[in-house]
Amino acid sequence: MTTAPTPSHPSEIVSGFLAVLSMVASALAVFYQPVKIAPFAILLALIATAMAPRGSRLPLIAVALGGLAFFLGMTIAVATNHSLY
């Protein structure tokens, strides 16, 4: 038996979009100015987490990815003598 899809609240949809946008910004922060982009990505992920329903994993993954991207971006920028901001 298949179940009927449950209607999503607009906040759930916006939360998913913000989480995905945060993940894209995190991926960009690894390679291009991590000090400017990673905090923005983490802030978006935290806002998405606040808007998401209790059982959502996507915003939590976005927060973890933002922290990891900040760490990796800073490590790569320092190791290769590129600008941090």
PDB file of N, CA and C in Angstrom:
ATOM      1  N   MET A   1       0.827  -1.165   0.000  1.00  0.00           N
ATOM      2  CA  MET A   1       0.000   0.000   0.000  1.00  0.00           C
ATOM      3  C   MET A   1       0.882   1.243   0.000  1.00  0.00           C
ATOM      4  N   THR A   2       0.492   2.187  -0.765  1.00  0.00           N
ATOM      5  CA  THR A   2       1.217   3.450  -0.776  1.00  0.00           C
ATOM      6  C   THR A   2       0.438   4.477   0.031  1.00  0.00           C
ATOM      7  N   THR A   3       1.170   5.336   0.640  1.00  0.00           N
ATOM      8  CA  THR A   3       0.518   6.381   1.419  1.00  0.00           C
ATOM      9  C   THR A   3       0.475   7.658   0.599  1.00  0.00           C
ATOM     10  N   ALA A   4      -0.500   8.455   0.858  1.00  0.00           N
ATOM     11  CA  ALA A   4      -0.630   9.725   0.149  1.00  0.00           C
ATOM     12  C   ALA A   4       0.431  10.693   0.655  1.00  0.00           C
ATOM     13  N   PRO A   5       1.006  11.482  -0.233  1.00  0.00           N
ATOM     14  CA  PRO A   5       2.014  12.437   0.222  1.00  0.00           C
ATOM     15  C   PRO A   5       1.388  13.489   1.134  1.00  0.00           C
ATOM     16  N   THR A   6       2.104  13.808   2.183  1.00  0.00           N
ATOM     17  CA  THR A   6       1.596  14.815   3.104  1.00  0.00           C
ATOM     18  C   THR A   6       1.971  16.202   2.598  1.00  0.00           C
ATOM     19  N   PRO A   7       1.085  17.149   2.723  1.00  0.00           N
ATOM     20  CA  PRO A   7       1.408  18.500   2.265  1.00  0.00           C
ATOM     21  C   PRO A   7       2.483  19.125   3.147  1.00  0.00           C
ATOM     22  N   SER A   8       3.431  19.795   2.507  1.00  0.00           N
ATOM     23  CA  SER A   8       4.518  20.440   3.242  1.00  0.00           C
ATOM     24  C   SER A   8       4.129  21.866   3.586  1.00  0.00           C
ATOM     25  N   HIS A   9       4.587  22.295   4.714  1.00  0.00           N
ATOM     26  CA  HIS A   9       4.395  23.684   5.107  1.00  0.00           C
ATOM     27  C   HIS A   9       5.421  24.536   4.374  1.00  0.00           C
ATOM     28  N   PRO A  10       5.120  25.771   4.102  1.00  0.00           N
ATOM     29  CA  PRO A  10       6.079  26.632   3.404  1.00  0.00           C
ATOM     30  C   PRO A  10       7.404  26.771   4.147  1.00  0.00           C
ATOM     31  N   SER A  11       7.375  26.737   5.462  1.00  0.00           N
ATOM     32  CA  SER A  11       8.621  26.866   6.209  1.00  0.00           C
ATOM     33  C   SER A  11       9.534  25.658   5.982  1.00  0.00           C
ATOM     34  N   GLU A  12       8.957  24.483   5.779  1.00  0.00           N
ATOM     35  CA  GLU A  12       9.764  23.300   5.493  1.00  0.00           C
ATOM     36  C   GLU A  12      10.441  23.422   4.134  1.00  0.00           C
ATOM     37  N   ILE A  13       9.737  23.947   3.169  1.00  0.00           N
ATOM     38  CA  ILE A  13      10.299  24.106   1.827  1.00  0.00           C
ATOM     39  C   ILE A  13      11.408  25.149   1.842  1.00  0.00           C
ATOM     40  N   VAL A  14      11.166  26.268   2.511  1.00  0.00           N
ATOM     41  CA  VAL A  14      12.192  27.315   2.604  1.00  0.00           C
ATOM     42  C   VAL A  14      13.405  26.797   3.370  1.00  0.00           C
ATOM     43  N   SER A  15      13.180  26.020   4.388  1.00  0.00           N
ATOM     44  CA  SER A  15      14.272  25.442   5.159  1.00  0.00           C
ATOM     45  C   SER A  15      15.151  24.551   4.283  1.00  0.00           C
ATOM     46  N   GLY A  16      14.530  23.765   3.432  1.00  0.00           N
ATOM     47  CA  GLY A  16      15.300  22.912   2.520  1.00  0.00           C
ATOM     48  C   GLY A  16      16.111  23.729   1.527  1.00  0.00           C
ATOM     49  N   PHE A  17      15.502  24.782   0.989  1.00  0.00           N
ATOM     50  CA  PHE A  17      16.238  25.646   0.056  1.00  0.00           C
ATOM     51  C   PHE A  17      17.409  26.341   0.742  1.00  0.00           C
ATOM     52  N   LEU A  18      17.202  26.830   1.964  1.00  0.00           N
ATOM     53  CA  LEU A  18      18.285  27.476   2.686  1.00  0.00           C
ATOM     54  C   LEU A  18      19.407  26.494   3.016  1.00  0.00           C
ATOM     55  N   ALA A  19      19.051  25.260   3.352  1.00  0.00           N
ATOM     56  CA  ALA A  19      20.069  24.249   3.647  1.00  0.00           C
ATOM     57  C   ALA A  19      20.901  23.934   2.409  1.00  0.00           C
ATOM     58  N   VAL A  20      20.248  23.806   1.277  1.00  0.00           N
ATOM     59  CA  VAL A  20      20.980  23.523   0.035  1.00  0.00           C
ATOM     60  C   VAL A  20      21.845  24.719  -0.360  1.00  0.00           C
ATOM     61  N   LEU A  21      21.325  25.932  -0.209  1.00  0.00           N
ATOM     62  CA  LEU A  21      22.103  27.128  -0.499  1.00  0.00           C
ATOM     63  C   LEU A  21      23.321  27.210   0.426  1.00  0.00           C
ATOM     64  N   SER A  22      23.140  26.834   1.673  1.00  0.00           N
ATOM     65  CA  SER A  22      24.249  26.806   2.618  1.00  0.00           C
ATOM     66  C   SER A  22      25.308  25.783   2.201  1.00  0.00           C
ATOM     67  N   MET A  23      24.882  24.643   1.715  1.00  0.00           N
ATOM     68  CA  MET A  23      25.839  23.624   1.276  1.00  0.00           C
ATOM     69  C   MET A  23      26.640  24.095   0.068  1.00  0.00           C
ATOM     70  N   VAL A  24      25.981  24.776  -0.852  1.00  0.00           N
ATOM     71  CA  VAL A  24      26.681  25.312  -2.024  1.00  0.00           C
ATOM     72  C   VAL A  24      27.684  26.381  -1.593  1.00  0.00           C
ATOM     73  N   ALA A  25      27.276  27.250  -0.676  1.00  0.00           N
ATOM     74  CA  ALA A  25      28.190  28.278  -0.179  1.00  0.00           C
ATOM     75  C   ALA A  25      29.358  27.650   0.577  1.00  0.00           C
ATOM     76  N   SER A  26      29.107  26.580   1.292  1.00  0.00           N
ATOM     77  CA  SER A  26      30.183  25.886   2.004  1.00  0.00           C
ATOM     78  C   SER A  26      31.192  25.288   1.036  1.00  0.00           C
ATOM     79  N   ALA A  27      30.702  24.703  -0.037  1.00  0.00           N
ATOM     80  CA  ALA A  27      31.613  24.145  -1.042  1.00  0.00           C
ATOM     81  C   ALA A  27      32.441  25.248  -1.686  1.00  0.00           C
ATOM     82  N   LEU A  28      31.843  26.397  -1.906  1.00  0.00           N
ATOM     83  CA  LEU A  28      32.564  27.530  -2.464  1.00  0.00           C
ATOM     84  C   LEU A  28      33.591  28.075  -1.472  1.00  0.00           C
ATOM     85  N   ALA A  29      33.278  28.041  -0.193  1.00  0.00           N
ATOM     86  CA  ALA A  29      34.171  28.568   0.843  1.00  0.00           C
ATOM     87  C   ALA A  29      35.460  27.765   0.963  1.00  0.00           C
ATOM     88  N   VAL A  30      35.430  26.511   0.586  1.00  0.00           N
ATOM     89  CA  VAL A  30      36.649  25.702   0.671  1.00  0.00           C
ATOM     90  C   VAL A  30      37.712  26.241  -0.274  1.00  0.00           C
ATOM     91  N   PHE A  31      37.304  26.752  -1.417  1.00  0.00           N
ATOM     92  CA  PHE A  31      38.266  27.141  -2.439  1.00  0.00           C
ATOM     93  C   PHE A  31      38.411  28.641  -2.638  1.00  0.00           C
ATOM     94  N   TYR A  32      37.506  29.448  -2.085  1.00  0.00           N
ATOM     95  CA  TYR A  32      37.541  30.884  -2.347  1.00  0.00           C
ATOM     96  C   TYR A  32      37.169  31.667  -1.093  1.00  0.00           C
ATOM     97  N   GLN A  33      38.082  32.343  -0.487  1.00  0.00           N
ATOM     98  CA  GLN A  33      37.918  33.225   0.660  1.00  0.00           C
ATOM     99  C   GLN A  33      37.030  32.642   1.765  1.00  0.00           C
ATOM    100  N   PRO A  34      37.568  31.710   2.539  1.00  0.00           N
ATOM    101  CA  PRO A  34      36.750  31.032   3.553  1.00  0.00           C
ATOM    102  C   PRO A  34      36.278  31.940   4.684  1.00  0.00           C
ATOM    103  N   VAL A  35      37.009  33.021   4.992  1.00  0.00           N
ATOM    104  CA  VAL A  35      36.600  33.886   6.098  1.00  0.00           C
ATOM    105  C   VAL A  35      35.341  34.674   5.755  1.00  0.00           C
ATOM    106  N   LYS A  36      35.146  35.002   4.499  1.00  0.00           N
ATOM    107  CA  LYS A  36      33.961  35.752   4.094  1.00  0.00           C
ATOM    108  C   LYS A  36      32.747  34.854   3.860  1.00  0.00           C
ATOM    109  N   ILE A  37      32.941  33.703   3.290  1.00  0.00           N
ATOM    110  CA  ILE A  37      31.816  32.895   2.828  1.00  0.00           C
ATOM    111  C   ILE A  37      31.340  31.874   3.870  1.00  0.00           C
ATOM    112  N   ALA A  38      32.256  31.245   4.584  1.00  0.00           N
ATOM    113  CA  ALA A  38      31.872  30.179   5.518  1.00  0.00           C
ATOM    114  C   ALA A  38      30.954  30.662   6.650  1.00  0.00           C
ATOM    115  N   PRO A  39      31.205  31.812   7.285  1.00  0.00           N
ATOM    116  CA  PRO A  39      30.242  32.247   8.317  1.00  0.00           C
ATOM    117  C   PRO A  39      28.841  32.500   7.758  1.00  0.00           C
ATOM    118  N   PHE A  40      28.770  33.032   6.545  1.00  0.00           N
ATOM    119  CA  PHE A  40      27.470  33.224   5.891  1.00  0.00           C
ATOM    120  C   PHE A  40      26.786  31.866   5.675  1.00  0.00           C
ATOM    121  N   ALA A  41      27.548  30.875   5.238  1.00  0.00           N
ATOM    122  CA  ALA A  41      26.980  29.543   5.012  1.00  0.00           C
ATOM    123  C   ALA A  41      26.507  28.917   6.320  1.00  0.00           C
ATOM    124  N   ILE A  42      27.279  29.090   7.383  1.00  0.00           N
ATOM    125  CA  ILE A  42      26.888  28.537   8.679  1.00  0.00           C
ATOM    126  C   ILE A  42      25.639  29.246   9.205  1.00  0.00           C
ATOM    127  N   LEU A  43      25.567  30.555   9.024  1.00  0.00           N
ATOM    128  CA  LEU A  43      24.379  31.304   9.453  1.00  0.00           C
ATOM    129  C   LEU A  43      23.130  30.839   8.702  1.00  0.00           C
ATOM    130  N   LEU A  44      23.253  30.644   7.395  1.00  0.00           N
ATOM    131  CA  LEU A  44      22.120  30.121   6.620  1.00  0.00           C
ATOM    132  C   LEU A  44      21.693  28.746   7.127  1.00  0.00           C
ATOM    133  N   ALA A  45      22.676  27.896   7.442  1.00  0.00           N
ATOM    134  CA  ALA A  45      22.364  26.552   7.927  1.00  0.00           C
ATOM    135  C   ALA A  45      21.669  26.606   9.279  1.00  0.00           C
ATOM    136  N   LEU A  46      22.082  27.522  10.140  1.00  0.00           N
ATOM    137  CA  LEU A  46      21.431  27.636  11.439  1.00  0.00           C
ATOM    138  C   LEU A  46      20.010  28.157  11.312  1.00  0.00           C
ATOM    139  N   ILE A  47      19.788  29.083  10.399  1.00  0.00           N
ATOM    140  CA  ILE A  47      18.426  29.567  10.156  1.00  0.00           C
ATOM    141  C   ILE A  47      17.564  28.434   9.598  1.00  0.00           C
ATOM    142  N   ALA A  48      18.143  27.644   8.694  1.00  0.00           N
ATOM    143  CA  ALA A  48      17.400  26.501   8.138  1.00  0.00           C
ATOM    144  C   ALA A  48      17.074  25.484   9.225  1.00  0.00           C
ATOM    145  N   THR A  49      17.990  25.288  10.157  1.00  0.00           N
ATOM    146  CA  THR A  49      17.739  24.353  11.259  1.00  0.00           C
ATOM    147  C   THR A  49      16.601  24.848  12.145  1.00  0.00           C
ATOM    148  N   ALA A  50      16.553  26.147  12.384  1.00  0.00           N
ATOM    149  CA  ALA A  50      15.486  26.700  13.223  1.00  0.00           C
ATOM    150  C   ALA A  50      14.125  26.586  12.540  1.00  0.00           C
ATOM    151  N   MET A  51      14.095  26.668  11.216  1.00  0.00           N
ATOM    152  CA  MET A  51      12.826  26.616  10.480  1.00  0.00           C
ATOM    153  C   MET A  51      12.348  25.196  10.209  1.00  0.00           C
ATOM    154  N   ALA A  52      13.245  24.237  10.275  1.00  0.00           N
ATOM    155  CA  ALA A  52      12.924  22.864   9.882  1.00  0.00           C
ATOM    156  C   ALA A  52      12.098  22.149  10.949  1.00  0.00           C
ATOM    157  N   PRO A  53      11.345  21.147  10.538  1.00  0.00           N
ATOM    158  CA  PRO A  53      10.649  20.333  11.537  1.00  0.00           C
ATOM    159  C   PRO A  53      11.651  19.507  12.342  1.00  0.00           C
ATOM    160  N   ARG A  54      11.187  18.946  13.417  1.00  0.00           N
ATOM    161  CA  ARG A  54      12.071  18.290  14.369  1.00  0.00           C
ATOM    162  C   ARG A  54      12.893  17.146  13.777  1.00  0.00           C
ATOM    163  N   GLY A  55      12.392  16.376  12.876  1.00  0.00           N
ATOM    164  CA  GLY A  55      13.089  15.199  12.380  1.00  0.00           C
ATOM    165  C   GLY A  55      13.960  15.418  11.152  1.00  0.00           C
ATOM    166  N   SER A  56      14.136  16.645  10.703  1.00  0.00           N
ATOM    167  CA  SER A  56      14.882  16.907   9.474  1.00  0.00           C
ATOM    168  C   SER A  56      16.381  16.728   9.686  1.00  0.00           C
ATOM    169  N   ARG A  57      17.013  16.069   8.717  1.00  0.00           N
ATOM    170  CA  ARG A  57      18.455  15.878   8.793  1.00  0.00           C
ATOM    171  C   ARG A  57      19.208  16.807   7.852  1.00  0.00           C
ATOM    172  N   LEU A  58      18.564  17.290   6.806  1.00  0.00           N
ATOM    173  CA  LEU A  58      19.259  18.123   5.821  1.00  0.00           C
ATOM    174  C   LEU A  58      19.852  19.388   6.433  1.00  0.00           C
ATOM    175  N   PRO A  59      19.140  20.139   7.261  1.00  0.00           N
ATOM    176  CA  PRO A  59      19.767  21.317   7.866  1.00  0.00           C
ATOM    177  C   PRO A  59      20.924  20.973   8.806  1.00  0.00           C
ATOM    178  N   LEU A  60      20.826  19.859   9.498  1.00  0.00           N
ATOM    179  CA  LEU A  60      21.915  19.453  10.370  1.00  0.00           C
ATOM    180  C   LEU A  60      23.163  19.084   9.572  1.00  0.00           C
ATOM    181  N   ILE A  61      22.960  18.453   8.442  1.00  0.00           N
ATOM    182  CA  ILE A  61      24.082  18.144   7.556  1.00  0.00           C
ATOM    183  C   ILE A  61      24.695  19.436   7.031  1.00  0.00           C
ATOM    184  N   ALA A  62      23.868  20.425   6.748  1.00  0.00           N
ATOM    185  CA  ALA A  62      24.364  21.714   6.262  1.00  0.00           C
ATOM    186  C   ALA A  62      25.215  22.409   7.315  1.00  0.00           C
ATOM    187  N   VAL A  63      24.828  22.338   8.580  1.00  0.00           N
ATOM    188  CA  VAL A  63      25.623  22.942   9.657  1.00  0.00           C
ATOM    189  C   VAL A  63      26.976  22.244   9.767  1.00  0.00           C
ATOM    190  N   ALA A  64      26.968  20.926   9.748  1.00  0.00           N
ATOM    191  CA  ALA A  64      28.218  20.174   9.846  1.00  0.00           C
ATOM    192  C   ALA A  64      29.117  20.450   8.644  1.00  0.00           C
ATOM    193  N   LEU A  65      28.530  20.517   7.475  1.00  0.00           N
ATOM    194  CA  LEU A  65      29.301  20.794   6.270  1.00  0.00           C
ATOM    195  C   LEU A  65      29.882  22.209   6.302  1.00  0.00           C
ATOM    196  N   GLY A  66      29.151  23.161   6.857  1.00  0.00           N
ATOM    197  CA  GLY A  66      29.650  24.525   6.988  1.00  0.00           C
ATOM    198  C   GLY A  66      30.870  24.600   7.892  1.00  0.00           C
ATOM    199  N   GLY A  67      30.817  23.920   9.012  1.00  0.00           N
ATOM    200  CA  GLY A  67      31.976  23.885   9.915  1.00  0.00           C
ATOM    201  C   GLY A  67      33.166  23.205   9.295  1.00  0.00           C
ATOM    202  N   LEU A  68      32.931  22.105   8.622  1.00  0.00           N
ATOM    203  CA  LEU A  68      34.009  21.389   7.951  1.00  0.00           C
ATOM    204  C   LEU A  68      34.607  22.214   6.818  1.00  0.00           C
ATOM    205  N   ALA A  69      33.761  22.913   6.084  1.00  0.00           N
ATOM    206  CA  ALA A  69      34.243  23.754   4.987  1.00  0.00           C
ATOM    207  C   ALA A  69      35.084  24.911   5.511  1.00  0.00           C
ATOM    208  N   PHE A  70      34.689  25.484   6.645  1.00  0.00           N
ATOM    209  CA  PHE A  70      35.481  26.563   7.233  1.00  0.00           C
ATOM    210  C   PHE A  70      36.863  26.045   7.616  1.00  0.00           C
ATOM    211  N   PHE A  71      36.895  24.908   8.272  1.00  0.00           N
ATOM    212  CA  PHE A  71      38.175  24.327   8.692  1.00  0.00           C
ATOM    213  C   PHE A  71      39.049  23.984   7.491  1.00  0.00           C
ATOM    214  N   LEU A  72      38.481  23.305   6.508  1.00  0.00           N
ATOM    215  CA  LEU A  72      39.269  22.931   5.328  1.00  0.00           C
ATOM    216  C   LEU A  72      39.698  24.151   4.519  1.00  0.00           C
ATOM    217  N   GLY A  73      38.813  25.114   4.371  1.00  0.00           N
ATOM    218  CA  GLY A  73      39.147  26.321   3.628  1.00  0.00           C
ATOM    219  C   GLY A  73      40.269  27.095   4.277  1.00  0.00           C
ATOM    220  N   MET A  74      40.226  27.236   5.587  1.00  0.00           N
ATOM    221  CA  MET A  74      41.298  27.932   6.298  1.00  0.00           C
ATOM    222  C   MET A  74      42.607  27.164   6.195  1.00  0.00           C
ATOM    223  N   THR A  75      42.541  25.855   6.311  1.00  0.00           N
ATOM    224  CA  THR A  75      43.754  25.036   6.210  1.00  0.00           C
ATOM    225  C   THR A  75      44.382  25.162   4.824  1.00  0.00           C
ATOM    226  N   ILE A  76      43.571  25.082   3.787  1.00  0.00           N
ATOM    227  CA  ILE A  76      44.093  25.195   2.419  1.00  0.00           C
ATOM    228  C   ILE A  76      44.631  26.594   2.164  1.00  0.00           C
ATOM    229  N   ALA A  77      43.939  27.611   2.629  1.00  0.00           N
ATOM    230  CA  ALA A  77      44.383  29.005   2.384  1.00  0.00           C
ATOM    231  C   ALA A  77      45.713  29.285   3.088  1.00  0.00           C
ATOM    232  N   VAL A  78      45.864  28.799   4.304  1.00  0.00           N
ATOM    233  CA  VAL A  78      47.110  29.019   5.042  1.00  0.00           C
ATOM    234  C   VAL A  78      48.247  28.207   4.437  1.00  0.00           C
ATOM    235  N   ALA A  79      47.970  26.974   4.059  1.00  0.00           N
ATOM    236  CA  ALA A  79      49.017  26.117   3.508  1.00  0.00           C
ATOM    237  C   ALA A  79      49.514  26.596   2.154  1.00  0.00           C
ATOM    238  N   THR A  80      48.656  27.233   1.370  1.00  0.00           N
ATOM    239  CA  THR A  80      49.053  27.683   0.034  1.00  0.00           C
ATOM    240  C   THR A  80      49.340  29.182  -0.034  1.00  0.00           C
ATOM    241  N   ASN A  81      49.330  29.862   1.114  1.00  0.00           N
ATOM    242  CA  ASN A  81      49.606  31.311   1.203  1.00  0.00           C
ATOM    243  C   ASN A  81      48.629  32.144   0.357  1.00  0.00           C
ATOM    244  N   HIS A  82      47.382  31.751   0.287  1.00  0.00           N
ATOM    245  CA  HIS A  82      46.359  32.546  -0.375  1.00  0.00           C
ATOM    246  C   HIS A  82      45.677  33.460   0.626  1.00  0.00           C
ATOM    247  N   SER A  83      44.965  34.452   0.143  1.00  0.00           N
ATOM    248  CA  SER A  83      44.306  35.393   1.032  1.00  0.00           C
ATOM    249  C   SER A  83      43.147  34.709   1.763  1.00  0.00           C
ATOM    250  N   LEU A  84      42.966  35.098   2.997  1.00  0.00           N
ATOM    251  CA  LEU A  84      41.879  34.539   3.796  1.00  0.00           C
ATOM    252  C   LEU A  84      40.584  35.293   3.583  1.00  0.00           C
ATOM    253  N   TYR A  85      40.664  36.566   3.238  1.00  0.00           N
ATOM    254  CA  TYR A  85      39.462  37.375   3.038  1.00  0.00           C
ATOM    255  C   TYR A  85      39.607  38.346   1.929  1.00  0.00           C
TER     256      TYR A  85
END
